[in-house]
Amino acid sequence: MPKFRICFSDHLPGEPGGGDWESTLSQDQLPPNVTFQGSLEEAQRINVQDYYGDLRTWVERDGLRVVLLSGPSCVGKGPLVVGIDTFFPDIDYSTVPVIKAKESRPKGPRPDEVSLWDNPRYFGTADEITQLARQYQYAPRYIVGDCRGFPQAIDLDEILGAEHDLVLVEAYHTLGSQLRGLTNALYGSDKISAFVSPVSEKEIEEWRSQGIDLEPRLREIMFDKLTVRTKYQGENPEDPKVSESNMKRAGDAYSELQRANTYTHVLVNHDGEGHPNWNKTPEGRFTARPIGDALKVVEAFADILRTGNTQYAEHWKPNTI
């Protein structure tokens, strides 16, 4: 059960001389921190009822470990998470959804998104998501960022109130950079991050030595993977809207990989979504255990969730790409 603290620092709501950002009180005027176990709703009730404070201003959570997962579109993040749930059920963690714009799905929801399409925890219109950034001015509840021309958002209350202390957030790098910058007290100091890459550091070095231009090479690789996924999901890759979306996603891969060095771990996976090595149906069911890189990346990420580290990760430098 989550363990929360109401911490007053030098600002005490509802007391003379306290209650706003400009007020300061001496330490002997402050009550001791209030520590309790319970739900986020209980933390909110105690906070408002007894101290009149804003939840995200005064409440902290003990023992929180946030793991950020990022990578280019179609690199295999989705089946990776499903693989953890399927083959490593002993790992107790909570997943925080990213709220995505419906406009980012030109042909509607993917097969494994149909049941989530009308759930505001997972999808909303671009206008609805943009509006979230304007709420909770002094202690924001949402972080909002651009993802390939469409807004996405993370509800920070989902992290603060997660059932388990270990919390997984799969997010685009623009949201990930904001997440890593959040206060340690509220959202955990142990922010581990994993970037899934379709190529290894050695491959990049070899291409450079051969004089190969990295950006078009990566665009070609990712477009091929996206085409495979499109067919796997029962769609027509020649459809103009689908082809345009795939080209945009493939073109973004180079700039995304340029940020891989900011993550604590880089996991190499050549088996993109829809690759037969996943042994997975489009609806999300595994028919057998994955093989090849698909299995390696699942096992490596399981190590990260358990221990915070894995021997199978690369650690990229700023000049890797």
Foldseek 3Di string as FASTA:
>chain_A
DWKKKFAQQQAFAPDVQHNDPPGGDDPVVDDDIDIDDDFLVVQVCCCCVPGNDDSLVGMFTPLAEEEEEEEFPQLAPVLLVLLCVPPVVVQDEAEQEKEWAQVLVVPGDFLQCPVVDPPRSHYDHQVVLVVQQVPPVPRRQKDWDDDLRGIIITGNSCQQRPPDSYYYYYDYVRVVVVLQPDDCRHRHPNYAYEYEYLDDLVVLVVCVVVVHDPQVVQLVLQLVSLCLQCVLRVHDCPPVVNVVSSSSSSNCNVVSVLCRLVGPWYQHANQTPNRCQPCAHSNGDHPDHGDDSSNVRSVQVVCCSVPVGGPRTDRDDNPSD
